[in-house]
Structures are given as structure tokens and as C-alpha cells.
PDB file of N, CA and C in Angstrom:
ATOM      1  N   UNK A   1       0.797  -1.168  -0.004  1.00  0.00           N
ATOM      2  CA  UNK A   1      -0.004   0.015  -0.002  1.00  0.00           C
ATOM      3  C   UNK A   1       0.897   1.197   0.015  1.00  0.00           C
ATOM      4  N   UNK A   2       0.639   2.175  -0.890  1.00  0.00           N
ATOM      5  CA  UNK A   2       1.383   3.398  -0.981  1.00  0.00           C
ATOM      6  C   UNK A   2       0.840   4.453  -0.028  1.00  0.00           C
ATOM      7  N   UNK A   3       1.599   5.509   0.124  1.00  0.00           N
ATOM      8  CA  UNK A   3       1.104   6.605   0.938  1.00  0.00           C
ATOM      9  C   UNK A   3      -0.216   7.272   0.473  1.00  0.00           C
ATOM     10  N   UNK A   4      -0.330   7.380  -0.818  1.00  0.00           N
ATOM     11  CA  UNK A   4      -1.482   7.949  -1.394  1.00  0.00           C
ATOM     12  C   UNK A   4      -2.760   7.017  -1.295  1.00  0.00           C
ATOM     13  N   UNK A   5      -2.522   5.734  -1.034  1.00  0.00           N
ATOM     14  CA  UNK A   5      -3.607   4.820  -0.908  1.00  0.00           C
ATOM     15  C   UNK A   5      -3.967   4.597   0.534  1.00  0.00           C
ATOM     16  N   UNK A   6      -3.049   5.014   1.491  1.00  0.00           N
ATOM     17  CA  UNK A   6      -3.356   4.747   2.901  1.00  0.00           C
ATOM     18  C   UNK A   6      -4.394   5.718   3.459  1.00  0.00           C
ATOM     19  N   UNK A   7      -5.495   5.136   3.757  1.00  0.00           N
ATOM     20  CA  UNK A   7      -6.623   5.931   4.377  1.00  0.00           C
ATOM     21  C   UNK A   7      -6.232   6.283   5.818  1.00  0.00           C
ATOM     22  N   UNK A   8      -6.897   7.309   6.247  1.00  0.00           N
ATOM     23  CA  UNK A   8      -6.704   7.785   7.626  1.00  0.00           C
ATOM     24  C   UNK A   8      -6.844   6.581   8.601  1.00  0.00           C
ATOM     25  N   UNK A   9      -7.862   5.794   8.430  1.00  0.00           N
ATOM     26  CA  UNK A   9      -8.122   4.687   9.370  1.00  0.00           C
ATOM     27  C   UNK A   9      -7.008   3.700   9.328  1.00  0.00           C
ATOM     28  N   UNK A  10      -6.369   3.485   8.130  1.00  0.00           N
ATOM     29  CA  UNK A  10      -5.231   2.526   8.079  1.00  0.00           C
ATOM     30  C   UNK A  10      -4.062   3.098   8.863  1.00  0.00           C
ATOM     31  N   UNK A  11      -3.814   4.387   8.740  1.00  0.00           N
ATOM     32  CA  UNK A  11      -2.661   4.962   9.491  1.00  0.00           C
ATOM     33  C   UNK A  11      -2.975   4.885  10.951  1.00  0.00           C
ATOM     34  N   UNK A  12      -4.233   5.109  11.318  1.00  0.00           N
ATOM     35  CA  UNK A  12      -4.631   4.953  12.763  1.00  0.00           C
ATOM     36  C   UNK A  12      -4.489   3.596  13.196  1.00  0.00           C
ATOM     37  N   UNK A  13      -4.747   2.548  12.380  1.00  0.00           N
ATOM     38  CA  UNK A  13      -4.592   1.174  12.726  1.00  0.00           C
ATOM     39  C   UNK A  13      -3.130   0.825  12.921  1.00  0.00           C
ATOM     40  N   UNK A  14      -2.261   1.391  12.109  1.00  0.00           N
ATOM     41  CA  UNK A  14      -0.796   1.168  12.247  1.00  0.00           C
ATOM     42  C   UNK A  14      -0.285   1.709  13.516  1.00  0.00           C
ATOM     43  N   UNK A  15      -0.707   2.924  13.860  1.00  0.00           N
ATOM     44  CA  UNK A  15      -0.397   3.540  15.203  1.00  0.00           C
ATOM     45  C   UNK A  15      -0.931   2.707  16.318  1.00  0.00           C
ATOM     46  N   UNK A  16      -2.152   2.194  16.256  1.00  0.00           N
ATOM     47  CA  UNK A  16      -2.713   1.356  17.279  1.00  0.00           C
ATOM     48  C   UNK A  16      -1.986   0.064  17.476  1.00  0.00           C
ATOM     49  N   UNK A  17      -1.393  -0.470  16.355  1.00  0.00           N
ATOM     50  CA  UNK A  17      -0.696  -1.726  16.392  1.00  0.00           C
ATOM     51  C   UNK A  17       0.596  -1.692  17.229  1.00  0.00           C
ATOM     52  N   UNK A  18       1.133  -0.452  17.395  1.00  0.00           N
ATOM     53  CA  UNK A  18       2.446  -0.327  18.055  1.00  0.00           C
ATOM     54  C   UNK A  18       2.263   0.118  19.502  1.00  0.00           C
ATOM     55  N   UNK A  19       1.084   0.593  19.956  1.00  0.00           N
ATOM     56  CA  UNK A  19       0.996   0.982  21.303  1.00  0.00           C
ATOM     57  C   UNK A  19       0.207  -0.042  22.069  1.00  0.00           C
ATOM     58  N   UNK A  20       0.501  -0.158  23.378  1.00  0.00           N
ATOM     59  CA  UNK A  20      -0.155  -1.220  24.144  1.00  0.00           C
ATOM     60  C   UNK A  20      -0.982  -0.538  25.185  1.00  0.00           C
ATOM     61  N   UNK A  21      -1.892   0.407  24.757  1.00  0.00           N
ATOM     62  CA  UNK A  21      -2.759   1.036  25.691  1.00  0.00           C
ATOM     63  C   UNK A  21      -4.164   0.393  25.629  1.00  0.00           C
ATOM     64  N   UNK A  22      -4.418  -0.399  26.563  1.00  0.00           N
ATOM     65  CA  UNK A  22      -5.665  -1.235  26.539  1.00  0.00           C
ATOM     66  C   UNK A  22      -6.862  -0.321  26.766  1.00  0.00           C
ATOM     67  N   UNK A  23      -6.610   0.878  27.296  1.00  0.00           N
ATOM     68  CA  UNK A  23      -7.756   1.728  27.694  1.00  0.00           C
ATOM     69  C   UNK A  23      -8.304   2.562  26.512  1.00  0.00           C
ATOM     70  N   UNK A  24      -7.712   2.350  25.257  1.00  0.00           N
ATOM     71  CA  UNK A  24      -8.153   3.108  24.112  1.00  0.00           C
ATOM     72  C   UNK A  24      -9.340   2.307  23.584  1.00  0.00           C
ATOM     73  N   UNK A  25     -10.569   2.773  23.978  1.00  0.00           N
ATOM     74  CA  UNK A  25     -11.743   2.141  23.503  1.00  0.00           C
ATOM     75  C   UNK A  25     -12.255   2.768  22.176  1.00  0.00           C
ATOM     76  N   UNK A  26     -12.631   1.880  21.270  1.00  0.00           N
ATOM     77  CA  UNK A  26     -13.124   2.307  20.002  1.00  0.00           C
ATOM     78  C   UNK A  26     -12.069   2.729  19.025  1.00  0.00           C
ATOM     79  N   UNK A  27     -10.787   2.402  19.323  1.00  0.00           N
ATOM     80  CA  UNK A  27      -9.760   2.540  18.377  1.00  0.00           C
ATOM     81  C   UNK A  27      -9.212   4.000  18.332  1.00  0.00           C
ATOM     82  N   UNK A  28      -8.161   4.168  17.504  1.00  0.00           N
ATOM     83  CA  UNK A  28      -7.430   5.464  17.446  1.00  0.00           C
ATOM     84  C   UNK A  28      -8.073   6.338  16.427  1.00  0.00           C
ATOM     85  N   UNK A  29      -8.318   7.598  16.770  1.00  0.00           N
ATOM     86  CA  UNK A  29      -8.954   8.576  15.820  1.00  0.00           C
ATOM     87  C   UNK A  29      -7.917   9.779  15.576  1.00  0.00           C
ATOM     88  N   UNK A  30      -8.090  10.391  14.449  1.00  0.00           N
ATOM     89  CA  UNK A  30      -7.105  11.527  14.071  1.00  0.00           C
ATOM     90  C   UNK A  30      -7.171  12.611  15.132  1.00  0.00           C
ATOM     91  N   UNK A  31      -8.158  12.771  15.931  1.00  0.00           N
ATOM     92  CA  UNK A  31      -8.214  13.922  16.869  1.00  0.00           C
ATOM     93  C   UNK A  31      -7.476  13.598  18.180  1.00  0.00           C
ATOM     94  N   UNK A  32      -7.063  12.348  18.321  1.00  0.00           N
ATOM     95  CA  UNK A  32      -6.395  11.932  19.651  1.00  0.00           C
ATOM     96  C   UNK A  32      -4.995  12.654  19.716  1.00  0.00           C
ATOM     97  N   UNK A  33      -4.645  13.035  20.979  1.00  0.00           N
ATOM     98  CA  UNK A  33      -3.351  13.529  21.221  1.00  0.00           C
ATOM     99  C   UNK A  33      -2.395  12.366  21.486  1.00  0.00           C
ATOM    100  N   UNK A  34      -1.212  12.432  20.832  1.00  0.00           N
ATOM    101  CA  UNK A  34      -0.233  11.417  20.933  1.00  0.00           C
ATOM    102  C   UNK A  34       0.207  11.166  22.360  1.00  0.00           C
ATOM    103  N   UNK A  35       0.462  12.169  23.016  1.00  0.00           N
ATOM    104  CA  UNK A  35       0.966  12.117  24.417  1.00  0.00           C
ATOM    105  C   UNK A  35      -0.127  11.969  25.402  1.00  0.00           C
ATOM    106  N   UNK A  36      -1.033  12.949  25.383  1.00  0.00           N
ATOM    107  CA  UNK A  36      -2.161  13.026  26.293  1.00  0.00           C
ATOM    108  C   UNK A  36      -3.086  11.816  26.253  1.00  0.00           C
ATOM    109  N   UNK A  37      -3.660  11.518  25.109  1.00  0.00           N
ATOM    110  CA  UNK A  37      -4.647  10.463  24.989  1.00  0.00           C
ATOM    111  C   UNK A  37      -3.989   9.056  24.901  1.00  0.00           C
ATOM    112  N   UNK A  38      -2.918   8.987  24.187  1.00  0.00           N
ATOM    113  CA  UNK A  38      -2.291   7.654  23.917  1.00  0.00           C
ATOM    114  C   UNK A  38      -1.088   7.334  24.698  1.00  0.00           C
ATOM    115  N   UNK A  39      -0.501   8.334  25.416  1.00  0.00           N
ATOM    116  CA  UNK A  39       0.603   8.099  26.299  1.00  0.00           C
ATOM    117  C   UNK A  39       1.908   7.752  25.501  1.00  0.00           C
ATOM    118  N   UNK A  40       2.040   8.280  24.283  1.00  0.00           N
ATOM    119  CA  UNK A  40       3.107   7.866  23.444  1.00  0.00           C
ATOM    120  C   UNK A  40       4.367   8.725  23.826  1.00  0.00           C
ATOM    121  N   UNK A  41       5.533   8.084  24.172  1.00  0.00           N
ATOM    122  CA  UNK A  41       6.761   8.746  24.528  1.00  0.00           C
ATOM    123  C   UNK A  41       7.681   8.696  23.297  1.00  0.00           C
ATOM    124  N   UNK A  42       8.886   9.172  23.326  1.00  0.00           N
ATOM    125  CA  UNK A  42       9.773   9.192  22.247  1.00  0.00           C
ATOM    126  C   UNK A  42      10.082   7.782  21.636  1.00  0.00           C
ATOM    127  N   UNK A  43      10.200   6.854  22.516  1.00  0.00           N
ATOM    128  CA  UNK A  43      10.403   5.478  22.016  1.00  0.00           C
ATOM    129  C   UNK A  43       9.209   4.922  21.243  1.00  0.00           C
ATOM    130  N   UNK A  44       8.107   5.228  21.769  1.00  0.00           N
ATOM    131  CA  UNK A  44       6.806   4.822  21.110  1.00  0.00           C
ATOM    132  C   UNK A  44       6.672   5.513  19.728  1.00  0.00           C
ATOM    133  N   UNK A  45       7.111   6.820  19.702  1.00  0.00           N
ATOM    134  CA  UNK A  45       7.015   7.484  18.494  1.00  0.00           C
ATOM    135  C   UNK A  45       7.984   6.897  17.398  1.00  0.00           C
ATOM    136  N   UNK A  46       9.185   6.481  17.820  1.00  0.00           N
ATOM    137  CA  UNK A  46      10.024   5.783  16.924  1.00  0.00           C
ATOM    138  C   UNK A  46       9.476   4.469  16.428  1.00  0.00           C
ATOM    139  N   UNK A  47       8.794   3.811  17.294  1.00  0.00           N
ATOM    140  CA  UNK A  47       8.116   2.559  16.922  1.00  0.00           C
ATOM    141  C   UNK A  47       7.059   2.818  15.856  1.00  0.00           C
ATOM    142  N   UNK A  48       6.376   3.938  16.038  1.00  0.00           N
ATOM    143  CA  UNK A  48       5.349   4.316  15.097  1.00  0.00           C
ATOM    144  C   UNK A  48       5.959   4.669  13.676  1.00  0.00           C
ATOM    145  N   UNK A  49       7.055   5.330  13.743  1.00  0.00           N
ATOM    146  CA  UNK A  49       7.699   5.657  12.494  1.00  0.00           C
ATOM    147  C   UNK A  49       8.226   4.426  11.768  1.00  0.00           C
ATOM    148  N   UNK A  50       8.726   3.509  12.573  1.00  0.00           N
ATOM    149  CA  UNK A  50       9.215   2.212  11.912  1.00  0.00           C
ATOM    150  C   UNK A  50       8.041   1.445  11.269  1.00  0.00           C
ATOM    151  N   UNK A  51       6.949   1.372  12.074  1.00  0.00           N
ATOM    152  CA  UNK A  51       5.776   0.660  11.588  1.00  0.00           C
ATOM    153  C   UNK A  51       5.141   1.326  10.314  1.00  0.00           C
ATOM    154  N   UNK A  52       5.141   2.608  10.290  1.00  0.00           N
ATOM    155  CA  UNK A  52       4.685   3.290   9.111  1.00  0.00           C
ATOM    156  C   UNK A  52       5.541   2.998   7.878  1.00  0.00           C
ATOM    157  N   UNK A  53       6.841   3.034   8.149  1.00  0.00           N
ATOM    158  CA  UNK A  53       7.791   2.751   7.024  1.00  0.00           C
ATOM    159  C   UNK A  53       7.601   1.320   6.497  1.00  0.00           C
ATOM    160  N   UNK A  54       7.500   0.419   7.469  1.00  0.00           N
ATOM    161  CA  UNK A  54       7.367  -1.046   7.097  1.00  0.00           C
ATOM    162  C   UNK A  54       6.064  -1.327   6.428  1.00  0.00           C
ATOM    163  N   UNK A  55       4.939  -0.745   6.897  1.00  0.00           N
ATOM    164  CA  UNK A  55       3.606  -1.082   6.396  1.00  0.00           C
ATOM    165  C   UNK A  55       3.214  -0.365   5.101  1.00  0.00           C
ATOM    166  N   UNK A  56       3.770   0.914   5.043  1.00  0.00           N
ATOM    167  CA  UNK A  56       3.375   1.761   3.868  1.00  0.00           C
ATOM    168  C   UNK A  56       4.466   1.935   2.852  1.00  0.00           C
ATOM    169  N   UNK A  57       5.706   1.538   3.273  1.00  0.00           N
ATOM    170  CA  UNK A  57       6.816   1.611   2.244  1.00  0.00           C
ATOM    171  C   UNK A  57       7.246   2.995   1.930  1.00  0.00           C
ATOM    172  N   UNK A  58       7.155   3.838   2.982  1.00  0.00           N
ATOM    173  CA  UNK A  58       7.587   5.278   2.850  1.00  0.00           C
ATOM    174  C   UNK A  58       8.862   5.438   3.624  1.00  0.00           C
ATOM    175  N   UNK A  59       9.531   6.500   3.335  1.00  0.00           N
ATOM    176  CA  UNK A  59      10.766   6.769   3.996  1.00  0.00           C
ATOM    177  C   UNK A  59      10.541   7.690   5.282  1.00  0.00           C
ATOM    178  N   UNK A  60       9.835   7.135   6.233  1.00  0.00           N
ATOM    179  CA  UNK A  60       9.465   7.819   7.425  1.00  0.00           C
ATOM    180  C   UNK A  60      10.780   8.318   8.224  1.00  0.00           C
ATOM    181  N   UNK A  61      11.730   7.574   8.260  1.00  0.00           N
ATOM    182  CA  UNK A  61      12.929   7.968   9.111  1.00  0.00           C
ATOM    183  C   UNK A  61      13.592   9.204   8.513  1.00  0.00           C
ATOM    184  N   UNK A  62      13.365   9.480   7.282  1.00  0.00           N
ATOM    185  CA  UNK A  62      13.951  10.676   6.708  1.00  0.00           C
ATOM    186  C   UNK A  62      13.125  11.922   7.178  1.00  0.00           C
ATOM    187  N   UNK A  63      12.033  11.669   7.863  1.00  0.00           N
ATOM    188  CA  UNK A  63      11.202  12.844   8.268  1.00  0.00           C
ATOM    189  C   UNK A  63      11.006  12.804   9.917  1.00  0.00           C
ATOM    190  N   UNK A  64      12.021  12.287  10.509  1.00  0.00           N
ATOM    191  CA  UNK A  64      11.959  12.075  11.999  1.00  0.00           C
ATOM    192  C   UNK A  64      11.710  13.400  12.689  1.00  0.00           C
ATOM    193  N   UNK A  65      12.374  14.497  12.248  1.00  0.00           N
ATOM    194  CA  UNK A  65      12.151  15.737  12.933  1.00  0.00           C
ATOM    195  C   UNK A  65      10.720  16.152  12.891  1.00  0.00           C
ATOM    196  N   UNK A  66       9.988  15.995  11.806  1.00  0.00           N
ATOM    197  CA  UNK A  66       8.599  16.275  11.665  1.00  0.00           C
ATOM    198  C   UNK A  66       7.810  15.404  12.664  1.00  0.00           C
ATOM    199  N   UNK A  67       8.155  14.170  12.705  1.00  0.00           N
ATOM    200  CA  UNK A  67       7.411  13.220  13.554  1.00  0.00           C
ATOM    201  C   UNK A  67       7.496  13.612  15.035  1.00  0.00           C
ATOM    202  N   UNK A  68       8.743  14.034  15.343  1.00  0.00           N
ATOM    203  CA  UNK A  68       9.025  14.420  16.799  1.00  0.00           C
ATOM    204  C   UNK A  68       8.086  15.668  17.151  1.00  0.00           C
ATOM    205  N   UNK A  69       7.867  16.522  16.237  1.00  0.00           N
ATOM    206  CA  UNK A  69       6.996  17.608  16.516  1.00  0.00           C
ATOM    207  C   UNK A  69       5.538  17.458  16.496  1.00  0.00           C
ATOM    208  N   UNK A  70       5.110  16.226  16.155  1.00  0.00           N
ATOM    209  CA  UNK A  70       3.702  15.926  16.044  1.00  0.00           C
ATOM    210  C   UNK A  70       2.992  15.875  17.421  1.00  0.00           C
ATOM    211  N   UNK A  71       1.805  16.432  17.507  1.00  0.00           N
ATOM    212  CA  UNK A  71       1.086  16.499  18.684  1.00  0.00           C
ATOM    213  C   UNK A  71      -0.051  15.559  18.715  1.00  0.00           C
ATOM    214  N   UNK A  72      -0.708  15.393  17.555  1.00  0.00           N
ATOM    215  CA  UNK A  72      -1.913  14.626  17.385  1.00  0.00           C
ATOM    216  C   UNK A  72      -1.761  13.511  16.275  1.00  0.00           C
ATOM    217  N   UNK A  73      -2.643  12.549  16.283  1.00  0.00           N
ATOM    218  CA  UNK A  73      -2.627  11.563  15.308  1.00  0.00           C
ATOM    219  C   UNK A  73      -2.820  12.197  13.990  1.00  0.00           C
ATOM    220  N   UNK A  74      -3.632  13.273  13.849  1.00  0.00           N
ATOM    221  CA  UNK A  74      -3.782  13.976  12.607  1.00  0.00           C
ATOM    222  C   UNK A  74      -2.544  14.538  12.002  1.00  0.00           C
ATOM    223  N   UNK A  75      -1.638  14.952  12.883  1.00  0.00           N
ATOM    224  CA  UNK A  75      -0.287  15.433  12.496  1.00  0.00           C
ATOM    225  C   UNK A  75       0.511  14.327  11.866  1.00  0.00           C
ATOM    226  N   UNK A  76       0.455  13.104  12.401  1.00  0.00           N
ATOM    227  CA  UNK A  76       1.116  11.907  11.815  1.00  0.00           C
ATOM    228  C   UNK A  76       0.610  11.718  10.369  1.00  0.00           C
ATOM    229  N   UNK A  77      -0.759  11.751  10.248  1.00  0.00           N
ATOM    230  CA  UNK A  77      -1.376  11.529   8.976  1.00  0.00           C
ATOM    231  C   UNK A  77      -0.882  12.581   7.920  1.00  0.00           C
ATOM    232  N   UNK A  78      -0.860  13.841   8.353  1.00  0.00           N
ATOM    233  CA  UNK A  78      -0.372  14.934   7.402  1.00  0.00           C
ATOM    234  C   UNK A  78       1.007  14.632   7.033  1.00  0.00           C
ATOM    235  N   UNK A  79       1.915  14.260   7.882  1.00  0.00           N
ATOM    236  CA  UNK A  79       3.322  13.980   7.567  1.00  0.00           C
ATOM    237  C   UNK A  79       3.473  12.881   6.532  1.00  0.00           C
ATOM    238  N   UNK A  80       2.678  11.716   6.819  1.00  0.00           N
ATOM    239  CA  UNK A  80       2.769  10.624   5.903  1.00  0.00           C
ATOM    240  C   UNK A  80       2.242  11.007   4.457  1.00  0.00           C
ATOM    241  N   UNK A  81       1.236  11.903   4.480  1.00  0.00           N
ATOM    242  CA  UNK A  81       0.756  12.329   3.051  1.00  0.00           C
ATOM    243  C   UNK A  81       1.773  13.201   2.363  1.00  0.00           C
ATOM    244  N   UNK A  82       2.661  13.852   3.069  1.00  0.00           N
ATOM    245  CA  UNK A  82       3.664  14.702   2.466  1.00  0.00           C
ATOM    246  C   UNK A  82       4.894  13.973   2.078  1.00  0.00           C
ATOM    247  N   UNK A  83       5.158  12.791   2.575  1.00  0.00           N
ATOM    248  CA  UNK A  83       6.354  12.040   2.254  1.00  0.00           C
ATOM    249  C   UNK A  83       6.295  11.519   0.776  1.00  0.00           C
TER     250      UNK A  83
END
């Protein structure tokens, strides 16, 4: 699947696959805060970057600085769309 084919829900699913927060009911949504709602730290963020690269075939590690600045899931989606 390419970045242009990746739907928002697919990117949310990839993010959900790398976090182990059982309290996230109803899945990940673009409006969720990475740190506040999902408890993602810098290690978790790098896991997300790796998973995006692996699942979507994009060069996510080349955009690490942008990912580090992401606040919400929607920010991650925007970055993936720009790669």
C-alpha cells in the first residue's frame, strides 16, 4: 500500500498496532493527542515511525524531525501524506 492509498483509518490502525494502551476504547482517531490520549513517548514515536515505514513503504525515518514535533494523530497523517 502506498502513502496515497493509505486511508486515515489505516494509518490509525498502524499507530494502534504499536501502542499497548488497553484503555483506548473504539480505536485510534485522528483527533487524539499522541502524548495526552495515547501516552506515546519518544520510544513509542520511533516505533510508530518504523511501523509506518514497514507497512506503507515510505521513508518515514527521513522525516523524523517532523514526527517528533507531532502533537496529534492527525499530524502523523499529514506527515505521511507529505512523504
